[in-house]
Amino acid sequence: MDTSKMIKAYCLKTKEKNVPMHDAVITKTAKGGYMASGNDGKGNKMAAILSEAKALQAIADGVAKKGF
């Protein structure tokens, strides 16, 4: 998979920045924002807050699933 289009986030467990998120699912927050949750490929859970444009682009690129 092309990692340049993948959602990148900070991994709290390993303290790494810009880690590509695998199995990403985009959800909507209670206030209408967008959030991606997935893992780093090693089993560590990750989450990231996204803008609407980035969230919809990730779904359109096929790197994330729509969860709302």
PDB file of N, CA and C in Angstrom:
ATOM      1  N   MET A   1       0.838  -1.179   0.000  1.00  0.00           N
ATOM      2  CA  MET A   1       0.000   0.000   0.000  1.00  0.00           C
ATOM      3  C   MET A   1       0.886   1.247   0.000  1.00  0.00           C
ATOM      4  N   ASP A   2       0.438   2.272  -0.643  1.00  0.00           N
ATOM      5  CA  ASP A   2       1.182   3.524  -0.743  1.00  0.00           C
ATOM      6  C   ASP A   2       1.134   4.250   0.603  1.00  0.00           C
ATOM      7  N   THR A   3       2.256   4.344   1.301  1.00  0.00           N
ATOM      8  CA  THR A   3       2.286   4.961   2.628  1.00  0.00           C
ATOM      9  C   THR A   3       2.211   6.477   2.571  1.00  0.00           C
ATOM     10  N   SER A   4       2.412   7.090   1.405  1.00  0.00           N
ATOM     11  CA  SER A   4       2.345   8.546   1.311  1.00  0.00           C
ATOM     12  C   SER A   4       0.916   9.061   1.496  1.00  0.00           C
ATOM     13  N   LYS A   5      -0.086   8.252   1.164  1.00  0.00           N
ATOM     14  CA  LYS A   5      -1.479   8.660   1.310  1.00  0.00           C
ATOM     15  C   LYS A   5      -2.078   8.232   2.638  1.00  0.00           C
ATOM     16  N   MET A   6      -1.380   7.401   3.402  1.00  0.00           N
ATOM     17  CA  MET A   6      -1.904   6.903   4.667  1.00  0.00           C
ATOM     18  C   MET A   6      -1.965   8.012   5.707  1.00  0.00           C
ATOM     19  N   ILE A   7      -2.887   7.868   6.648  1.00  0.00           N
ATOM     20  CA  ILE A   7      -3.010   8.812   7.752  1.00  0.00           C
ATOM     21  C   ILE A   7      -1.823   8.600   8.679  1.00  0.00           C
ATOM     22  N   LYS A   8      -1.171   9.676   9.052  1.00  0.00           N
ATOM     23  CA  LYS A   8      -0.019   9.582   9.941  1.00  0.00           C
ATOM     24  C   LYS A   8      -0.388  10.180  11.302  1.00  0.00           C
ATOM     25  N   ALA A   9       0.068   9.529  12.366  1.00  0.00           N
ATOM     26  CA  ALA A   9      -0.273   9.969  13.714  1.00  0.00           C
ATOM     27  C   ALA A   9       0.897   9.707  14.658  1.00  0.00           C
ATOM     28  N   TYR A  10       0.779  10.205  15.881  1.00  0.00           N
ATOM     29  CA  TYR A  10       1.781  10.018  16.925  1.00  0.00           C
ATOM     30  C   TYR A  10       1.414   8.771  17.718  1.00  0.00           C
ATOM     31  N   CYS A  11       2.367   7.882  17.916  1.00  0.00           N
ATOM     32  CA  CYS A  11       2.143   6.667  18.691  1.00  0.00           C
ATOM     33  C   CYS A  11       2.581   6.934  20.134  1.00  0.00           C
ATOM     34  N   LEU A  12       1.642   6.921  21.059  1.00  0.00           N
ATOM     35  CA  LEU A  12       1.951   7.212  22.456  1.00  0.00           C
ATOM     36  C   LEU A  12       2.824   6.141  23.100  1.00  0.00           C
ATOM     37  N   LYS A  13       2.639   4.908  22.708  1.00  0.00           N
ATOM     38  CA  LYS A  13       3.383   3.818  23.344  1.00  0.00           C
ATOM     39  C   LYS A  13       4.862   3.826  22.953  1.00  0.00           C
ATOM     40  N   THR A  14       5.155   4.024  21.668  1.00  0.00           N
ATOM     41  CA  THR A  14       6.549   3.986  21.204  1.00  0.00           C
ATOM     42  C   THR A  14       7.171   5.367  21.077  1.00  0.00           C
ATOM     43  N   LYS A  15       6.371   6.435  21.295  1.00  0.00           N
ATOM     44  CA  LYS A  15       6.844   7.832  21.227  1.00  0.00           C
ATOM     45  C   LYS A  15       7.385   8.198  19.849  1.00  0.00           C
ATOM     46  N   GLU A  16       6.847   7.622  18.796  1.00  0.00           N
ATOM     47  CA  GLU A  16       7.269   7.914  17.426  1.00  0.00           C
ATOM     48  C   GLU A  16       6.289   8.884  16.779  1.00  0.00           C
ATOM     49  N   LYS A  17       6.820   9.801  15.964  1.00  0.00           N
ATOM     50  CA  LYS A  17       5.986  10.754  15.240  1.00  0.00           C
ATOM     51  C   LYS A  17       5.790  10.287  13.804  1.00  0.00           C
ATOM     52  N   ASN A  18       4.685  10.694  13.195  1.00  0.00           N
ATOM     53  CA  ASN A  18       4.362  10.423  11.785  1.00  0.00           C
ATOM     54  C   ASN A  18       4.393   8.945  11.438  1.00  0.00           C
ATOM     55  N   VAL A  19       3.756   8.128  12.270  1.00  0.00           N
ATOM     56  CA  VAL A  19       3.667   6.691  12.031  1.00  0.00           C
ATOM     57  C   VAL A  19       2.439   6.428  11.162  1.00  0.00           C
ATOM     58  N   PRO A  20       2.572   5.700  10.051  1.00  0.00           N
ATOM     59  CA  PRO A  20       1.407   5.387   9.208  1.00  0.00           C
ATOM     60  C   PRO A  20       0.388   4.530   9.959  1.00  0.00           C
ATOM     61  N   MET A  21      -0.877   4.875   9.835  1.00  0.00           N
ATOM     62  CA  MET A  21      -1.950   4.173  10.539  1.00  0.00           C
ATOM     63  C   MET A  21      -2.541   3.086   9.639  1.00  0.00           C
ATOM     64  N   HIS A  22      -2.557   1.867  10.138  1.00  0.00           N
ATOM     65  CA  HIS A  22      -3.132   0.724   9.422  1.00  0.00           C
ATOM     66  C   HIS A  22      -4.553   0.488   9.928  1.00  0.00           C
ATOM     67  N   ASP A  23      -5.398  -0.081   9.088  1.00  0.00           N
ATOM     68  CA  ASP A  23      -6.787  -0.412   9.431  1.00  0.00           C
ATOM     69  C   ASP A  23      -7.524   0.790  10.017  1.00  0.00           C
ATOM     70  N   ALA A  24      -7.359   1.952   9.405  1.00  0.00           N
ATOM     71  CA  ALA A  24      -7.968   3.186   9.916  1.00  0.00           C
ATOM     72  C   ALA A  24      -9.472   3.197   9.678  1.00  0.00           C
ATOM     73  N   VAL A  25     -10.201   3.686  10.679  1.00  0.00           N
ATOM     74  CA  VAL A  25     -11.648   3.866  10.586  1.00  0.00           C
ATOM     75  C   VAL A  25     -11.941   5.304  10.990  1.00  0.00           C
ATOM     76  N   ILE A  26     -12.627   6.046  10.112  1.00  0.00           N
ATOM     77  CA  ILE A  26     -12.974   7.441  10.368  1.00  0.00           C
ATOM     78  C   ILE A  26     -14.344   7.485  11.032  1.00  0.00           C
ATOM     79  N   THR A  27     -14.432   8.163  12.173  1.00  0.00           N
ATOM     80  CA  THR A  27     -15.696   8.344  12.876  1.00  0.00           C
ATOM     81  C   THR A  27     -15.923   9.835  13.111  1.00  0.00           C
ATOM     82  N   LYS A  28     -17.163  10.178  13.432  1.00  0.00           N
ATOM     83  CA  LYS A  28     -17.507  11.559  13.754  1.00  0.00           C
ATOM     84  C   LYS A  28     -17.610  11.687  15.271  1.00  0.00           C
ATOM     85  N   THR A  29     -17.113  12.814  15.802  1.00  0.00           N
ATOM     86  CA  THR A  29     -17.226  13.063  17.233  1.00  0.00           C
ATOM     87  C   THR A  29     -18.603  13.662  17.533  1.00  0.00           C
ATOM     88  N   ALA A  30     -18.895  13.821  18.813  1.00  0.00           N
ATOM     89  CA  ALA A  30     -20.186  14.359  19.221  1.00  0.00           C
ATOM     90  C   ALA A  30     -20.374  15.799  18.757  1.00  0.00           C
ATOM     91  N   LYS A  31     -19.282  16.541  18.619  1.00  0.00           N
ATOM     92  CA  LYS A  31     -19.365  17.937  18.188  1.00  0.00           C
ATOM     93  C   LYS A  31     -19.248  18.097  16.681  1.00  0.00           C
ATOM     94  N   GLY A  32     -19.166  16.991  15.937  1.00  0.00           N
ATOM     95  CA  GLY A  32     -19.135  17.061  14.482  1.00  0.00           C
ATOM     96  C   GLY A  32     -17.756  17.009  13.860  1.00  0.00           C
ATOM     97  N   GLY A  33     -16.711  16.825  14.656  1.00  0.00           N
ATOM     98  CA  GLY A  33     -15.356  16.698  14.127  1.00  0.00           C
ATOM     99  C   GLY A  33     -15.113  15.293  13.607  1.00  0.00           C
ATOM    100  N   TYR A  34     -13.951  15.069  13.046  1.00  0.00           N
ATOM    101  CA  TYR A  34     -13.611  13.751  12.503  1.00  0.00           C
ATOM    102  C   TYR A  34     -12.415  13.174  13.249  1.00  0.00           C
ATOM    103  N   MET A  35     -12.453  11.866  13.476  1.00  0.00           N
ATOM    104  CA  MET A  35     -11.401  11.188  14.220  1.00  0.00           C
ATOM    105  C   MET A  35     -11.072   9.870  13.521  1.00  0.00           C
ATOM    106  N   ALA A  36      -9.785   9.569  13.431  1.00  0.00           N
ATOM    107  CA  ALA A  36      -9.348   8.300  12.841  1.00  0.00           C
ATOM    108  C   ALA A  36      -8.777   7.433  13.942  1.00  0.00           C
ATOM    109  N   SER A  37      -9.135   6.157  13.935  1.00  0.00           N
ATOM    110  CA  SER A  37      -8.552   5.221  14.891  1.00  0.00           C
ATOM    111  C   SER A  37      -8.088   3.987  14.132  1.00  0.00           C
ATOM    112  N   GLY A  38      -6.982   3.438  14.567  1.00  0.00           N
ATOM    113  CA  GLY A  38      -6.404   2.268  13.915  1.00  0.00           C
ATOM    114  C   GLY A  38      -5.231   1.762  14.715  1.00  0.00           C
ATOM    115  N   ASN A  39      -4.278   1.119  14.041  1.00  0.00           N
ATOM    116  CA  ASN A  39      -3.083   0.638  14.728  1.00  0.00           C
ATOM    117  C   ASN A  39      -1.848   0.929  13.886  1.00  0.00           C
ATOM    118  N   ASP A  40      -0.674   0.722  14.498  1.00  0.00           N
ATOM    119  CA  ASP A  40       0.576   1.064  13.815  1.00  0.00           C
ATOM    120  C   ASP A  40       1.192  -0.103  13.065  1.00  0.00           C
ATOM    121  N   GLY A  41       0.491  -1.213  12.956  1.00  0.00           N
ATOM    122  CA  GLY A  41       1.016  -2.376  12.264  1.00  0.00           C
ATOM    123  C   GLY A  41       1.688  -3.350  13.213  1.00  0.00           C
ATOM    124  N   LYS A  42       1.967  -2.910  14.445  1.00  0.00           N
ATOM    125  CA  LYS A  42       2.583  -3.762  15.465  1.00  0.00           C
ATOM    126  C   LYS A  42       1.592  -4.096  16.572  1.00  0.00           C
ATOM    127  N   GLY A  43       0.342  -3.653  16.417  1.00  0.00           N
ATOM    128  CA  GLY A  43      -0.683  -3.942  17.411  1.00  0.00           C
ATOM    129  C   GLY A  43      -0.945  -2.809  18.382  1.00  0.00           C
ATOM    130  N   ASN A  44      -0.184  -1.726  18.308  1.00  0.00           N
ATOM    131  CA  ASN A  44      -0.397  -0.582  19.193  1.00  0.00           C
ATOM    132  C   ASN A  44      -1.497   0.300  18.634  1.00  0.00           C
ATOM    133  N   LYS A  45      -2.504   0.605  19.472  1.00  0.00           N
ATOM    134  CA  LYS A  45      -3.626   1.420  19.023  1.00  0.00           C
ATOM    135  C   LYS A  45      -3.205   2.869  18.868  1.00  0.00           C
ATOM    136  N   MET A  46      -3.813   3.530  17.868  1.00  0.00           N
ATOM    137  CA  MET A  46      -3.529   4.932  17.583  1.00  0.00           C
ATOM    138  C   MET A  46      -4.835   5.649  17.286  1.00  0.00           C
ATOM    139  N   ALA A  47      -4.831   6.971  17.507  1.00  0.00           N
ATOM    140  CA  ALA A  47      -5.978   7.804  17.166  1.00  0.00           C
ATOM    141  C   ALA A  47      -5.469   9.168  16.733  1.00  0.00           C
ATOM    142  N   ALA A  48      -6.235   9.832  15.871  1.00  0.00           N
ATOM    143  CA  ALA A  48      -5.853  11.165  15.392  1.00  0.00           C
ATOM    144  C   ALA A  48      -7.109  11.963  15.079  1.00  0.00           C
ATOM    145  N   ILE A  49      -7.061  13.256  15.405  1.00  0.00           N
ATOM    146  CA  ILE A  49      -8.132  14.180  15.050  1.00  0.00           C
ATOM    147  C   ILE A  49      -7.813  14.731  13.660  1.00  0.00           C
ATOM    148  N   LEU A  50      -8.814  14.740  12.776  1.00  0.00           N
ATOM    149  CA  LEU A  50      -8.612  15.176  11.394  1.00  0.00           C
ATOM    150  C   LEU A  50      -9.578  16.286  11.015  1.00  0.00           C
ATOM    151  N   SER A  51      -9.202  17.044  10.018  1.00  0.00           N
ATOM    152  CA  SER A  51     -10.135  18.003   9.439  1.00  0.00           C
ATOM    153  C   SER A  51     -11.098  17.242   8.533  1.00  0.00           C
ATOM    154  N   GLU A  52     -12.184  17.888   8.172  1.00  0.00           N
ATOM    155  CA  GLU A  52     -13.164  17.238   7.306  1.00  0.00           C
ATOM    156  C   GLU A  52     -12.553  16.893   5.955  1.00  0.00           C
ATOM    157  N   ALA A  53     -11.743  17.797   5.414  1.00  0.00           N
ATOM    158  CA  ALA A  53     -11.129  17.572   4.104  1.00  0.00           C
ATOM    159  C   ALA A  53     -10.198  16.361   4.128  1.00  0.00           C
ATOM    160  N   LYS A  54      -9.346  16.260   5.148  1.00  0.00           N
ATOM    161  CA  LYS A  54      -8.416  15.132   5.243  1.00  0.00           C
ATOM    162  C   LYS A  54      -9.154  13.821   5.477  1.00  0.00           C
ATOM    163  N   ALA A  55     -10.212  13.855   6.284  1.00  0.00           N
ATOM    164  CA  ALA A  55     -10.976  12.643   6.570  1.00  0.00           C
ATOM    165  C   ALA A  55     -11.652  12.115   5.312  1.00  0.00           C
ATOM    166  N   LEU A  56     -12.305  12.998   4.571  1.00  0.00           N
ATOM    167  CA  LEU A  56     -12.999  12.570   3.355  1.00  0.00           C
ATOM    168  C   LEU A  56     -12.017  12.162   2.264  1.00  0.00           C
ATOM    169  N   GLN A  57     -10.844  12.802   2.212  1.00  0.00           N
ATOM    170  CA  GLN A  57      -9.823  12.433   1.236  1.00  0.00           C
ATOM    171  C   GLN A  57      -9.269  11.041   1.545  1.00  0.00           C
ATOM    172  N   ALA A  58      -9.075  10.725   2.825  1.00  0.00           N
ATOM    173  CA  ALA A  58      -8.579   9.399   3.218  1.00  0.00           C
ATOM    174  C   ALA A  58      -9.570   8.306   2.832  1.00  0.00           C
ATOM    175  N   ILE A  59     -10.859   8.597   2.987  1.00  0.00           N
ATOM    176  CA  ILE A  59     -11.901   7.628   2.600  1.00  0.00           C
ATOM    177  C   ILE A  59     -11.906   7.459   1.075  1.00  0.00           C
ATOM    178  N   ALA A  60     -11.782   8.572   0.356  1.00  0.00           N
ATOM    179  CA  ALA A  60     -11.788   8.513  -1.108  1.00  0.00           C
ATOM    180  C   ALA A  60     -10.548   7.783  -1.649  1.00  0.00           C
ATOM    181  N   ASP A  61      -9.400   7.945  -0.979  1.00  0.00           N
ATOM    182  CA  ASP A  61      -8.161   7.276  -1.411  1.00  0.00           C
ATOM    183  C   ASP A  61      -8.174   5.786  -1.075  1.00  0.00           C
ATOM    184  N   GLY A  62      -9.069   5.363  -0.204  1.00  0.00           N
ATOM    185  CA  GLY A  62      -9.142   3.953   0.155  1.00  0.00           C
ATOM    186  C   GLY A  62      -8.218   3.548   1.283  1.00  0.00           C
ATOM    187  N   VAL A  63      -7.636   4.499   1.997  1.00  0.00           N
ATOM    188  CA  VAL A  63      -6.735   4.150   3.103  1.00  0.00           C
ATOM    189  C   VAL A  63      -7.479   4.073   4.431  1.00  0.00           C
ATOM    190  N   ALA A  64      -8.762   4.485   4.442  1.00  0.00           N
ATOM    191  CA  ALA A  64      -9.557   4.443   5.662  1.00  0.00           C
ATOM    192  C   ALA A  64     -10.981   4.026   5.314  1.00  0.00           C
ATOM    193  N   LYS A  65     -11.651   3.434   6.300  1.00  0.00           N
ATOM    194  CA  LYS A  65     -13.046   3.048   6.132  1.00  0.00           C
ATOM    195  C   LYS A  65     -13.946   4.085   6.778  1.00  0.00           C
ATOM    196  N   LYS A  66     -15.127   4.218   6.248  1.00  0.00           N
ATOM    197  CA  LYS A  66     -16.107   5.162   6.785  1.00  0.00           C
ATOM    198  C   LYS A  66     -16.847   4.479   7.937  1.00  0.00           C
ATOM    199  N   GLY A  67     -16.801   5.073   9.116  1.00  0.00           N
ATOM    200  CA  GLY A  67     -17.444   4.482  10.281  1.00  0.00           C
ATOM    201  C   GLY A  67     -18.600   5.304  10.800  1.00  0.00           C
ATOM    202  N   PHE A  68     -19.144   6.196   9.999  1.00  0.00           N
ATOM    203  CA  PHE A  68     -20.273   7.020  10.431  1.00  0.00           C
ATOM    204  C   PHE A  68     -21.392   6.966   9.427  1.00  0.00           C
TER     205      PHE A  68
END
